[in-house]
Amino acid sequence: MIVGVLALQGAFQAHIDKLTDLGADAREVKRPEHLDSVDALVMPGGESTTMSMLLESSELFDPIADRLDDGMPVFGTCAGLILLSTDIEDGRPDQRSFGRLDITVKRNGYGRQVESFETDIETTVTNEPVHAVFIRAPRIMRIGDDVDVLAEARGDAVLVRSGNALGAGFHPELSSSSEIHRLFLESLAS
C-alpha cells in the first residue's frame, strides 16, 4: 500500500515521517502523474484557500476528485479537513472543496493564531488519549447523518469519518503520538 501526501503546502514532510515510521510507503504528490502510483492520500494542513488555488494551478484538483470518486481513501488534517468538507461557512466564493465529508466547517473557527491551543483528546478508536495541536484550526459547525464523530474537544467534533474519508480539525503530525496515522493505515488494511 502506497500512501501519497499532498505536497503543495503545509507540514507534508511531518506526515510522511509519521507514515514512514509506521512502516508505510509514503510519497509526495505534487503533480497529477504522482497520483497514479498511490493507493491513498493524505491532505495536510496549511492555508485552505491557498491550497485550493494550488490544487487548481498544479492541475491536481480534478484528478484527485476522480480518484476519490473511484474510492481512494483520504485523510485530511486542518486545511485538509476543510478541503474534504461539503460546506465552508466562511470560504472564498471561488474556493472549491471535494465534498467527501458531509460537514460544514468554519475556517479559523477557534480564532486567530494567538488562540491556537493544544489538548489531550479521548477518541472512540484509540486506547489512550491523543495529544492534539490546534493551529488556526477549523471548527466543525454541522455534521451530516453519515458522518461518525470519533473525537471531541471543547464540545466540538474534531475527528470524523465517513466512508473512506477521515478528517481531523487538528495536526496529528505535530504530536508525539502516531495513533491517528495508525488509525488511517489500519483502515486501509481492512
N, C-alpha and C. Protein backbone atom coordinates (compact mmCIF):
# COMPACT_ATOMS: atom_id res chain seq x y z
N MET A 1 0.85 -1.18 0.00
CA MET A 1 0.00 0.00 0.00
C MET A 1 0.89 1.24 0.00
N ILE A 2 0.68 2.09 -0.98
CA ILE A 2 1.45 3.34 -1.09
C ILE A 2 0.54 4.50 -0.74
N VAL A 3 0.99 5.33 0.21
CA VAL A 3 0.21 6.48 0.66
C VAL A 3 0.85 7.74 0.11
N GLY A 4 0.08 8.50 -0.65
CA GLY A 4 0.56 9.78 -1.14
C GLY A 4 0.24 10.86 -0.13
N VAL A 5 1.10 11.84 -0.06
CA VAL A 5 0.87 13.00 0.81
C VAL A 5 0.92 14.23 -0.09
N LEU A 6 -0.19 14.96 -0.14
CA LEU A 6 -0.26 16.17 -0.95
C LEU A 6 0.84 17.12 -0.48
N ALA A 7 1.75 17.47 -1.39
CA ALA A 7 2.96 18.21 -1.00
C ALA A 7 3.00 19.58 -1.68
N LEU A 8 1.91 20.32 -1.56
CA LEU A 8 1.84 21.65 -2.14
C LEU A 8 2.13 22.74 -1.12
N GLN A 9 1.79 22.47 0.13
CA GLN A 9 1.93 23.45 1.20
C GLN A 9 1.73 22.72 2.52
N GLY A 10 2.14 23.32 3.60
CA GLY A 10 1.89 22.75 4.92
C GLY A 10 2.95 21.77 5.35
N ALA A 11 2.67 21.08 6.44
CA ALA A 11 3.64 20.18 7.07
C ALA A 11 3.58 18.78 6.46
N PHE A 12 3.67 18.72 5.14
CA PHE A 12 3.56 17.42 4.46
C PHE A 12 4.70 16.48 4.85
N GLN A 13 5.90 17.01 5.08
CA GLN A 13 7.01 16.14 5.44
C GLN A 13 6.78 15.48 6.80
N ALA A 14 6.15 16.17 7.72
CA ALA A 14 5.85 15.58 9.03
C ALA A 14 4.88 14.41 8.88
N HIS A 15 3.93 14.52 7.96
CA HIS A 15 3.04 13.38 7.68
C HIS A 15 3.82 12.22 7.08
N ILE A 16 4.68 12.51 6.12
CA ILE A 16 5.49 11.45 5.50
C ILE A 16 6.32 10.75 6.56
N ASP A 17 6.92 11.52 7.47
CA ASP A 17 7.74 10.93 8.53
C ASP A 17 6.91 10.02 9.43
N LYS A 18 5.71 10.48 9.84
CA LYS A 18 4.84 9.65 10.70
C LYS A 18 4.47 8.35 9.99
N LEU A 19 4.05 8.46 8.74
CA LEU A 19 3.63 7.28 7.99
C LEU A 19 4.79 6.32 7.78
N THR A 20 5.96 6.84 7.47
CA THR A 20 7.15 6.01 7.25
C THR A 20 7.56 5.32 8.55
N ASP A 21 7.50 6.04 9.66
CA ASP A 21 7.82 5.44 10.96
C ASP A 21 6.89 4.28 11.29
N LEU A 22 5.67 4.33 10.77
CA LEU A 22 4.71 3.25 11.00
C LEU A 22 4.82 2.13 9.96
N GLY A 23 5.81 2.24 9.08
CA GLY A 23 6.06 1.18 8.10
C GLY A 23 5.40 1.37 6.75
N ALA A 24 4.76 2.49 6.53
CA ALA A 24 4.09 2.74 5.25
C ALA A 24 5.08 3.25 4.21
N ASP A 25 4.77 3.00 2.97
CA ASP A 25 5.50 3.60 1.86
C ASP A 25 4.79 4.90 1.54
N ALA A 26 5.35 6.03 1.99
CA ALA A 26 4.72 7.34 1.82
C ALA A 26 5.51 8.16 0.82
N ARG A 27 4.78 8.84 -0.08
CA ARG A 27 5.41 9.61 -1.15
C ARG A 27 4.73 10.95 -1.33
N GLU A 28 5.49 11.93 -1.79
CA GLU A 28 4.94 13.24 -2.11
C GLU A 28 4.09 13.18 -3.36
N VAL A 29 2.99 13.93 -3.33
CA VAL A 29 2.16 14.11 -4.52
C VAL A 29 2.16 15.60 -4.84
N LYS A 30 2.80 15.94 -5.97
CA LYS A 30 2.89 17.33 -6.40
C LYS A 30 2.29 17.56 -7.79
N ARG A 31 2.18 16.49 -8.56
CA ARG A 31 1.68 16.59 -9.92
C ARG A 31 0.68 15.47 -10.18
N PRO A 32 -0.19 15.64 -11.16
CA PRO A 32 -1.20 14.61 -11.44
C PRO A 32 -0.63 13.21 -11.65
N GLU A 33 0.50 13.11 -12.31
CA GLU A 33 1.06 11.77 -12.57
C GLU A 33 1.51 11.08 -11.28
N HIS A 34 1.75 11.82 -10.21
CA HIS A 34 2.12 11.20 -8.94
C HIS A 34 0.96 10.39 -8.35
N LEU A 35 -0.26 10.75 -8.71
CA LEU A 35 -1.43 10.03 -8.19
C LEU A 35 -1.51 8.60 -8.72
N ASP A 36 -0.91 8.35 -9.88
CA ASP A 36 -1.00 7.04 -10.50
C ASP A 36 -0.42 5.93 -9.63
N SER A 37 0.55 6.25 -8.79
CA SER A 37 1.24 5.21 -8.02
C SER A 37 0.76 5.12 -6.57
N VAL A 38 -0.24 5.90 -6.18
CA VAL A 38 -0.67 5.86 -4.77
C VAL A 38 -2.03 5.19 -4.62
N ASP A 39 -2.20 4.56 -3.44
CA ASP A 39 -3.46 3.87 -3.14
C ASP A 39 -4.35 4.67 -2.20
N ALA A 40 -3.77 5.67 -1.53
CA ALA A 40 -4.50 6.51 -0.58
C ALA A 40 -3.80 7.86 -0.56
N LEU A 41 -4.48 8.87 0.02
CA LEU A 41 -3.93 10.22 0.01
C LEU A 41 -4.15 10.91 1.35
N VAL A 42 -3.12 11.62 1.82
CA VAL A 42 -3.21 12.48 2.99
C VAL A 42 -3.17 13.92 2.50
N MET A 43 -4.12 14.73 2.97
CA MET A 43 -4.14 16.16 2.67
C MET A 43 -3.78 16.90 3.95
N PRO A 44 -2.61 17.52 4.00
CA PRO A 44 -2.14 18.14 5.24
C PRO A 44 -2.78 19.50 5.50
N GLY A 45 -2.40 20.07 6.64
CA GLY A 45 -2.81 21.42 6.96
C GLY A 45 -2.06 22.43 6.11
N GLY A 46 -2.39 23.66 6.31
CA GLY A 46 -1.84 24.77 5.54
C GLY A 46 -2.90 25.86 5.54
N GLU A 47 -2.95 26.63 4.50
CA GLU A 47 -3.97 27.67 4.38
C GLU A 47 -4.93 27.20 3.29
N SER A 48 -6.19 26.96 3.65
CA SER A 48 -7.12 26.25 2.76
C SER A 48 -7.38 26.97 1.45
N THR A 49 -7.50 28.29 1.46
CA THR A 49 -7.75 28.98 0.18
C THR A 49 -6.51 28.90 -0.71
N THR A 50 -5.34 29.01 -0.12
CA THR A 50 -4.10 28.87 -0.90
C THR A 50 -4.00 27.45 -1.45
N MET A 51 -4.30 26.46 -0.61
CA MET A 51 -4.23 25.08 -1.08
C MET A 51 -5.22 24.84 -2.21
N SER A 52 -6.41 25.41 -2.10
CA SER A 52 -7.41 25.28 -3.16
C SER A 52 -6.87 25.86 -4.47
N MET A 53 -6.25 27.02 -4.40
CA MET A 53 -5.69 27.64 -5.60
C MET A 53 -4.51 26.82 -6.14
N LEU A 54 -3.67 26.27 -5.25
CA LEU A 54 -2.54 25.45 -5.69
C LEU A 54 -3.02 24.15 -6.32
N LEU A 55 -4.11 23.60 -5.83
CA LEU A 55 -4.68 22.41 -6.45
C LEU A 55 -5.12 22.70 -7.88
N GLU A 56 -5.64 23.89 -8.10
CA GLU A 56 -6.05 24.29 -9.46
C GLU A 56 -4.83 24.53 -10.34
N SER A 57 -3.87 25.34 -9.87
CA SER A 57 -2.71 25.70 -10.70
C SER A 57 -1.82 24.50 -11.00
N SER A 58 -1.78 23.51 -10.10
CA SER A 58 -0.98 22.31 -10.34
C SER A 58 -1.76 21.27 -11.15
N GLU A 59 -3.00 21.59 -11.46
CA GLU A 59 -3.90 20.70 -12.21
C GLU A 59 -4.14 19.38 -11.47
N LEU A 60 -4.14 19.44 -10.13
CA LEU A 60 -4.38 18.26 -9.30
C LEU A 60 -5.82 18.11 -8.85
N PHE A 61 -6.59 19.21 -8.83
CA PHE A 61 -7.92 19.12 -8.24
C PHE A 61 -8.78 18.05 -8.92
N ASP A 62 -8.94 18.14 -10.22
CA ASP A 62 -9.81 17.18 -10.91
C ASP A 62 -9.31 15.75 -10.85
N PRO A 63 -7.99 15.49 -11.05
CA PRO A 63 -7.53 14.11 -10.90
C PRO A 63 -7.74 13.55 -9.49
N ILE A 64 -7.56 14.38 -8.46
CA ILE A 64 -7.83 13.90 -7.10
C ILE A 64 -9.32 13.62 -6.95
N ALA A 65 -10.17 14.51 -7.42
CA ALA A 65 -11.62 14.29 -7.34
C ALA A 65 -12.01 12.99 -8.04
N ASP A 66 -11.41 12.73 -9.19
CA ASP A 66 -11.70 11.48 -9.91
C ASP A 66 -11.28 10.26 -9.10
N ARG A 67 -10.09 10.31 -8.50
CA ARG A 67 -9.62 9.18 -7.69
C ARG A 67 -10.51 8.99 -6.46
N LEU A 68 -10.95 10.10 -5.86
CA LEU A 68 -11.86 9.98 -4.71
C LEU A 68 -13.19 9.39 -5.15
N ASP A 69 -13.68 9.78 -6.32
CA ASP A 69 -14.91 9.19 -6.87
C ASP A 69 -14.77 7.69 -7.07
N ASP A 70 -13.55 7.25 -7.39
CA ASP A 70 -13.28 5.83 -7.60
C ASP A 70 -13.03 5.08 -6.29
N GLY A 71 -13.10 5.79 -5.15
CA GLY A 71 -13.00 5.12 -3.85
C GLY A 71 -11.65 5.21 -3.16
N MET A 72 -10.74 6.04 -3.65
CA MET A 72 -9.45 6.16 -2.99
C MET A 72 -9.63 6.70 -1.56
N PRO A 73 -9.09 6.03 -0.55
CA PRO A 73 -9.17 6.55 0.82
C PRO A 73 -8.40 7.85 0.97
N VAL A 74 -8.90 8.73 1.85
CA VAL A 74 -8.28 10.04 2.03
C VAL A 74 -8.35 10.44 3.50
N PHE A 75 -7.31 11.13 3.95
CA PHE A 75 -7.23 11.63 5.32
C PHE A 75 -6.83 13.10 5.23
N GLY A 76 -7.70 13.99 5.72
CA GLY A 76 -7.41 15.42 5.70
C GLY A 76 -7.26 15.97 7.10
N THR A 77 -6.20 16.77 7.30
CA THR A 77 -5.97 17.40 8.60
C THR A 77 -6.01 18.90 8.45
N CYS A 78 -6.71 19.57 9.34
CA CYS A 78 -6.83 21.03 9.38
C CYS A 78 -7.31 21.56 8.03
N ALA A 79 -6.46 22.17 7.23
CA ALA A 79 -6.89 22.64 5.91
C ALA A 79 -7.37 21.48 5.04
N GLY A 80 -6.77 20.31 5.23
CA GLY A 80 -7.23 19.12 4.50
C GLY A 80 -8.65 18.76 4.86
N LEU A 81 -9.03 18.93 6.13
CA LEU A 81 -10.41 18.72 6.55
C LEU A 81 -11.33 19.70 5.83
N ILE A 82 -10.91 20.95 5.75
CA ILE A 82 -11.71 21.96 5.04
C ILE A 82 -11.91 21.54 3.59
N LEU A 83 -10.84 21.06 2.95
CA LEU A 83 -10.93 20.65 1.55
C LEU A 83 -11.83 19.44 1.35
N LEU A 84 -12.01 18.63 2.39
CA LEU A 84 -12.87 17.45 2.28
C LEU A 84 -14.33 17.73 2.63
N SER A 85 -14.62 18.90 3.19
CA SER A 85 -15.97 19.21 3.65
C SER A 85 -16.91 19.52 2.48
N THR A 86 -18.21 19.44 2.77
CA THR A 86 -19.20 19.80 1.76
C THR A 86 -19.47 21.30 1.77
N ASP A 87 -19.33 21.94 2.94
CA ASP A 87 -19.63 23.37 3.05
C ASP A 87 -18.56 24.08 3.87
N ILE A 88 -18.12 25.23 3.36
CA ILE A 88 -17.16 26.07 4.07
C ILE A 88 -17.88 27.37 4.41
N GLU A 89 -18.17 27.55 5.69
CA GLU A 89 -19.00 28.66 6.13
C GLU A 89 -18.44 30.03 5.75
N ASP A 90 -17.14 30.18 5.83
CA ASP A 90 -16.54 31.48 5.57
C ASP A 90 -15.46 31.41 4.49
N GLY A 91 -15.65 30.51 3.55
CA GLY A 91 -14.69 30.36 2.47
C GLY A 91 -14.86 31.43 1.40
N ARG A 92 -13.89 31.52 0.53
CA ARG A 92 -13.99 32.43 -0.60
C ARG A 92 -15.03 31.89 -1.59
N PRO A 93 -15.69 32.77 -2.33
CA PRO A 93 -16.71 32.31 -3.28
C PRO A 93 -16.17 31.34 -4.33
N ASP A 94 -14.89 31.47 -4.69
CA ASP A 94 -14.32 30.60 -5.71
C ASP A 94 -13.59 29.39 -5.13
N GLN A 95 -13.64 29.22 -3.81
CA GLN A 95 -12.96 28.11 -3.16
C GLN A 95 -13.72 26.82 -3.40
N ARG A 96 -13.01 25.81 -3.90
CA ARG A 96 -13.61 24.51 -4.16
C ARG A 96 -13.22 23.53 -3.06
N SER A 97 -14.10 22.59 -2.83
CA SER A 97 -13.77 21.51 -1.91
C SER A 97 -14.21 20.20 -2.56
N PHE A 98 -13.77 19.09 -1.98
CA PHE A 98 -14.04 17.78 -2.55
C PHE A 98 -15.36 17.18 -2.07
N GLY A 99 -15.96 17.72 -1.02
CA GLY A 99 -17.26 17.26 -0.55
C GLY A 99 -17.33 15.81 -0.13
N ARG A 100 -16.28 15.28 0.45
CA ARG A 100 -16.28 13.87 0.86
C ARG A 100 -16.76 13.66 2.29
N LEU A 101 -16.80 14.72 3.08
CA LEU A 101 -17.34 14.65 4.44
C LEU A 101 -18.53 15.60 4.50
N ASP A 102 -19.69 15.09 4.85
CA ASP A 102 -20.89 15.91 4.91
C ASP A 102 -20.87 16.73 6.20
N ILE A 103 -20.03 17.76 6.17
CA ILE A 103 -19.88 18.65 7.32
C ILE A 103 -19.80 20.09 6.82
N THR A 104 -20.13 21.00 7.71
CA THR A 104 -19.88 22.41 7.47
C THR A 104 -18.77 22.83 8.42
N VAL A 105 -17.76 23.50 7.88
CA VAL A 105 -16.65 23.96 8.69
C VAL A 105 -16.54 25.47 8.63
N LYS A 106 -15.98 26.01 9.69
CA LYS A 106 -15.66 27.44 9.75
C LYS A 106 -14.15 27.54 9.85
N ARG A 107 -13.55 28.18 8.88
CA ARG A 107 -12.10 28.36 8.88
C ARG A 107 -11.69 29.19 10.11
N ASN A 108 -10.54 28.87 10.69
CA ASN A 108 -10.06 29.58 11.88
C ASN A 108 -11.17 29.67 12.94
N GLY A 109 -11.90 28.58 13.09
CA GLY A 109 -13.08 28.57 13.94
C GLY A 109 -12.83 28.79 15.42
N TYR A 110 -11.59 28.64 15.87
CA TYR A 110 -11.27 28.87 17.27
C TYR A 110 -10.55 30.20 17.47
N GLY A 111 -10.39 30.94 16.39
CA GLY A 111 -9.75 32.25 16.50
C GLY A 111 -8.46 32.34 15.73
N ARG A 112 -7.80 33.44 15.95
CA ARG A 112 -6.55 33.74 15.25
C ARG A 112 -5.39 32.91 15.79
N GLN A 113 -4.23 33.14 15.26
CA GLN A 113 -3.03 32.39 15.64
C GLN A 113 -2.81 32.38 17.16
N VAL A 114 -3.04 33.50 17.83
CA VAL A 114 -2.79 33.57 19.27
C VAL A 114 -3.77 32.71 20.07
N GLU A 115 -4.88 32.32 19.48
CA GLU A 115 -5.84 31.45 20.17
C GLU A 115 -5.57 29.97 19.89
N SER A 116 -4.50 29.65 19.19
CA SER A 116 -4.15 28.26 18.95
C SER A 116 -3.92 27.57 20.29
N PHE A 117 -4.17 26.26 20.34
CA PHE A 117 -4.05 25.55 21.62
C PHE A 117 -3.70 24.08 21.39
N GLU A 118 -3.30 23.44 22.48
CA GLU A 118 -3.03 22.01 22.50
C GLU A 118 -3.83 21.40 23.62
N THR A 119 -4.30 20.17 23.41
CA THR A 119 -5.07 19.48 24.44
C THR A 119 -5.03 17.98 24.17
N ASP A 120 -5.26 17.19 25.20
CA ASP A 120 -5.41 15.75 25.01
C ASP A 120 -6.87 15.46 24.75
N ILE A 121 -7.12 14.59 23.77
CA ILE A 121 -8.50 14.23 23.44
C ILE A 121 -8.69 12.73 23.59
N GLU A 122 -9.87 12.36 24.02
CA GLU A 122 -10.28 10.96 24.07
C GLU A 122 -10.95 10.65 22.73
N THR A 123 -10.62 9.50 22.17
CA THR A 123 -11.24 9.09 20.92
C THR A 123 -12.01 7.79 21.13
N THR A 124 -12.88 7.50 20.20
CA THR A 124 -13.61 6.23 20.25
C THR A 124 -12.82 5.12 19.59
N VAL A 125 -11.64 5.43 19.04
CA VAL A 125 -10.90 4.46 18.25
C VAL A 125 -9.47 4.21 18.72
N THR A 126 -9.04 4.86 19.80
CA THR A 126 -7.71 4.61 20.35
C THR A 126 -7.85 4.28 21.83
N ASN A 127 -6.89 3.53 22.35
CA ASN A 127 -6.93 3.13 23.75
C ASN A 127 -6.46 4.23 24.69
N GLU A 128 -5.60 5.08 24.19
CA GLU A 128 -5.02 6.15 25.00
C GLU A 128 -5.47 7.51 24.49
N PRO A 129 -5.48 8.53 25.36
CA PRO A 129 -5.75 9.88 24.87
C PRO A 129 -4.71 10.28 23.83
N VAL A 130 -5.10 11.13 22.92
CA VAL A 130 -4.22 11.61 21.86
C VAL A 130 -3.98 13.10 22.07
N HIS A 131 -2.71 13.49 22.00
CA HIS A 131 -2.38 14.91 22.12
C HIS A 131 -2.70 15.57 20.78
N ALA A 132 -3.50 16.63 20.82
CA ALA A 132 -3.95 17.30 19.61
C ALA A 132 -3.47 18.75 19.60
N VAL A 133 -2.93 19.17 18.46
CA VAL A 133 -2.41 20.52 18.26
C VAL A 133 -3.36 21.26 17.32
N PHE A 134 -3.96 22.34 17.80
CA PHE A 134 -4.90 23.14 17.03
C PHE A 134 -4.26 24.47 16.70
N ILE A 135 -3.95 24.70 15.41
CA ILE A 135 -3.33 25.95 14.97
C ILE A 135 -4.26 26.60 13.96
N ARG A 136 -4.86 27.74 14.35
CA ARG A 136 -5.85 28.40 13.48
C ARG A 136 -6.79 27.35 12.89
N ALA A 137 -7.29 26.51 13.75
CA ALA A 137 -7.99 25.30 13.36
C ALA A 137 -9.41 25.56 12.87
N PRO A 138 -9.87 24.72 11.93
CA PRO A 138 -11.26 24.81 11.52
C PRO A 138 -12.17 24.23 12.60
N ARG A 139 -13.35 24.74 12.67
CA ARG A 139 -14.35 24.26 13.63
C ARG A 139 -15.49 23.62 12.85
N ILE A 140 -15.84 22.41 13.22
CA ILE A 140 -16.95 21.72 12.57
C ILE A 140 -18.25 22.26 13.16
N MET A 141 -19.06 22.88 12.30
CA MET A 141 -20.29 23.54 12.73
C MET A 141 -21.53 22.67 12.53
N ARG A 142 -21.48 21.76 11.56
CA ARG A 142 -22.62 20.88 11.26
C ARG A 142 -22.07 19.53 10.85
N ILE A 143 -22.77 18.48 11.28
CA ILE A 143 -22.35 17.12 10.98
C ILE A 143 -23.52 16.40 10.32
N GLY A 144 -23.28 15.84 9.13
CA GLY A 144 -24.30 15.09 8.41
C GLY A 144 -24.56 13.74 9.04
N ASP A 145 -25.66 13.14 8.64
CA ASP A 145 -26.10 11.87 9.22
C ASP A 145 -25.12 10.72 8.99
N ASP A 146 -24.38 10.73 7.89
CA ASP A 146 -23.48 9.62 7.59
C ASP A 146 -22.06 9.84 8.10
N VAL A 147 -21.87 10.82 8.97
CA VAL A 147 -20.55 11.13 9.50
C VAL A 147 -20.46 10.65 10.94
N ASP A 148 -19.43 9.86 11.23
CA ASP A 148 -19.19 9.38 12.59
C ASP A 148 -18.21 10.31 13.29
N VAL A 149 -18.54 10.71 14.50
CA VAL A 149 -17.65 11.54 15.32
C VAL A 149 -16.78 10.59 16.13
N LEU A 150 -15.47 10.69 15.94
CA LEU A 150 -14.51 9.81 16.62
C LEU A 150 -13.84 10.47 17.81
N ALA A 151 -13.87 11.81 17.86
CA ALA A 151 -13.28 12.53 19.00
C ALA A 151 -13.85 13.94 19.05
N GLU A 152 -13.87 14.47 20.28
CA GLU A 152 -14.34 15.84 20.51
C GLU A 152 -13.31 16.59 21.35
N ALA A 153 -13.33 17.91 21.21
CA ALA A 153 -12.54 18.80 22.07
C ALA A 153 -13.37 20.06 22.26
N ARG A 154 -13.41 20.54 23.47
CA ARG A 154 -14.17 21.76 23.80
C ARG A 154 -15.62 21.67 23.32
N GLY A 155 -16.17 20.46 23.35
CA GLY A 155 -17.56 20.26 22.96
C GLY A 155 -17.81 20.17 21.47
N ASP A 156 -16.76 20.23 20.66
CA ASP A 156 -16.89 20.16 19.20
C ASP A 156 -16.30 18.86 18.67
N ALA A 157 -16.89 18.35 17.60
CA ALA A 157 -16.29 17.22 16.89
C ALA A 157 -14.98 17.69 16.28
N VAL A 158 -13.91 16.89 16.45
CA VAL A 158 -12.61 17.27 15.90
C VAL A 158 -11.96 16.14 15.08
N LEU A 159 -12.54 14.96 15.15
CA LEU A 159 -12.08 13.83 14.35
C LEU A 159 -13.32 13.11 13.85
N VAL A 160 -13.47 13.05 12.52
CA VAL A 160 -14.69 12.49 11.93
C VAL A 160 -14.32 11.54 10.80
N ARG A 161 -15.27 10.63 10.53
CA ARG A 161 -15.06 9.66 9.44
C ARG A 161 -16.39 9.43 8.74
N SER A 162 -16.29 9.29 7.43
CA SER A 162 -17.45 8.92 6.61
C SER A 162 -16.93 8.11 5.44
N GLY A 163 -17.36 6.86 5.36
CA GLY A 163 -16.88 6.00 4.29
C GLY A 163 -15.37 5.90 4.31
N ASN A 164 -14.75 6.24 3.18
CA ASN A 164 -13.28 6.13 3.08
C ASN A 164 -12.57 7.45 3.37
N ALA A 165 -13.28 8.40 3.98
CA ALA A 165 -12.69 9.70 4.30
C ALA A 165 -12.58 9.89 5.81
N LEU A 166 -11.39 10.29 6.25
CA LEU A 166 -11.12 10.60 7.65
C LEU A 166 -10.68 12.05 7.71
N GLY A 167 -11.19 12.80 8.68
CA GLY A 167 -10.82 14.20 8.80
C GLY A 167 -10.54 14.60 10.23
N ALA A 168 -9.48 15.39 10.41
CA ALA A 168 -9.11 15.89 11.74
C ALA A 168 -8.99 17.41 11.68
N GLY A 169 -9.59 18.08 12.65
CA GLY A 169 -9.50 19.53 12.72
C GLY A 169 -8.22 20.00 13.38
N PHE A 170 -7.34 19.07 13.69
CA PHE A 170 -6.08 19.38 14.36
C PHE A 170 -4.92 18.81 13.54
N HIS A 171 -3.71 18.93 14.08
CA HIS A 171 -2.50 18.50 13.39
C HIS A 171 -1.89 17.27 14.08
N PRO A 172 -2.34 16.06 13.76
CA PRO A 172 -1.75 14.88 14.41
C PRO A 172 -0.30 14.66 14.03
N GLU A 173 0.14 15.24 12.92
CA GLU A 173 1.54 15.09 12.50
C GLU A 173 2.50 15.87 13.39
N LEU A 174 1.96 16.81 14.20
CA LEU A 174 2.80 17.61 15.09
C LEU A 174 2.81 17.08 16.52
N SER A 175 2.16 15.96 16.74
CA SER A 175 2.08 15.35 18.06
C SER A 175 3.11 14.22 18.16
N SER A 176 3.49 13.88 19.38
CA SER A 176 4.39 12.74 19.56
C SER A 176 3.64 11.42 19.33
N SER A 177 2.33 11.44 19.39
CA SER A 177 1.52 10.25 19.16
C SER A 177 1.38 9.96 17.67
N SER A 178 1.35 8.68 17.35
CA SER A 178 1.13 8.27 15.96
C SER A 178 -0.21 7.57 15.79
N GLU A 179 -1.06 7.64 16.82
CA GLU A 179 -2.30 6.87 16.82
C GLU A 179 -3.27 7.24 15.70
N ILE A 180 -3.37 8.51 15.34
CA ILE A 180 -4.33 8.89 14.30
C ILE A 180 -3.83 8.42 12.93
N HIS A 181 -2.53 8.52 12.68
CA HIS A 181 -1.98 7.98 11.44
C HIS A 181 -2.12 6.46 11.40
N ARG A 182 -1.91 5.81 12.54
CA ARG A 182 -2.08 4.36 12.63
C ARG A 182 -3.53 4.00 12.30
N LEU A 183 -4.48 4.76 12.82
CA LEU A 183 -5.90 4.53 12.53
C LEU A 183 -6.14 4.59 11.03
N PHE A 184 -5.59 5.60 10.35
CA PHE A 184 -5.77 5.70 8.91
C PHE A 184 -5.16 4.50 8.19
N LEU A 185 -3.95 4.14 8.56
CA LEU A 185 -3.30 2.99 7.91
C LEU A 185 -4.07 1.69 8.16
N GLU A 186 -4.59 1.51 9.37
CA GLU A 186 -5.37 0.31 9.66
C GLU A 186 -6.65 0.26 8.85
N SER A 187 -7.24 1.42 8.58
CA SER A 187 -8.45 1.45 7.76
C SER A 187 -8.15 1.03 6.32
N LEU A 188 -6.92 1.25 5.88
CA LEU A 188 -6.54 0.85 4.52
C LEU A 188 -6.39 -0.66 4.41
N ALA A 189 -6.02 -1.29 5.51
CA ALA A 189 -5.81 -2.74 5.50
C ALA A 189 -7.10 -3.52 5.61
N SER A 190 -8.18 -2.86 6.02
CA SER A 190 -9.44 -3.60 6.21
C SER A 190 -10.30 -3.60 4.97
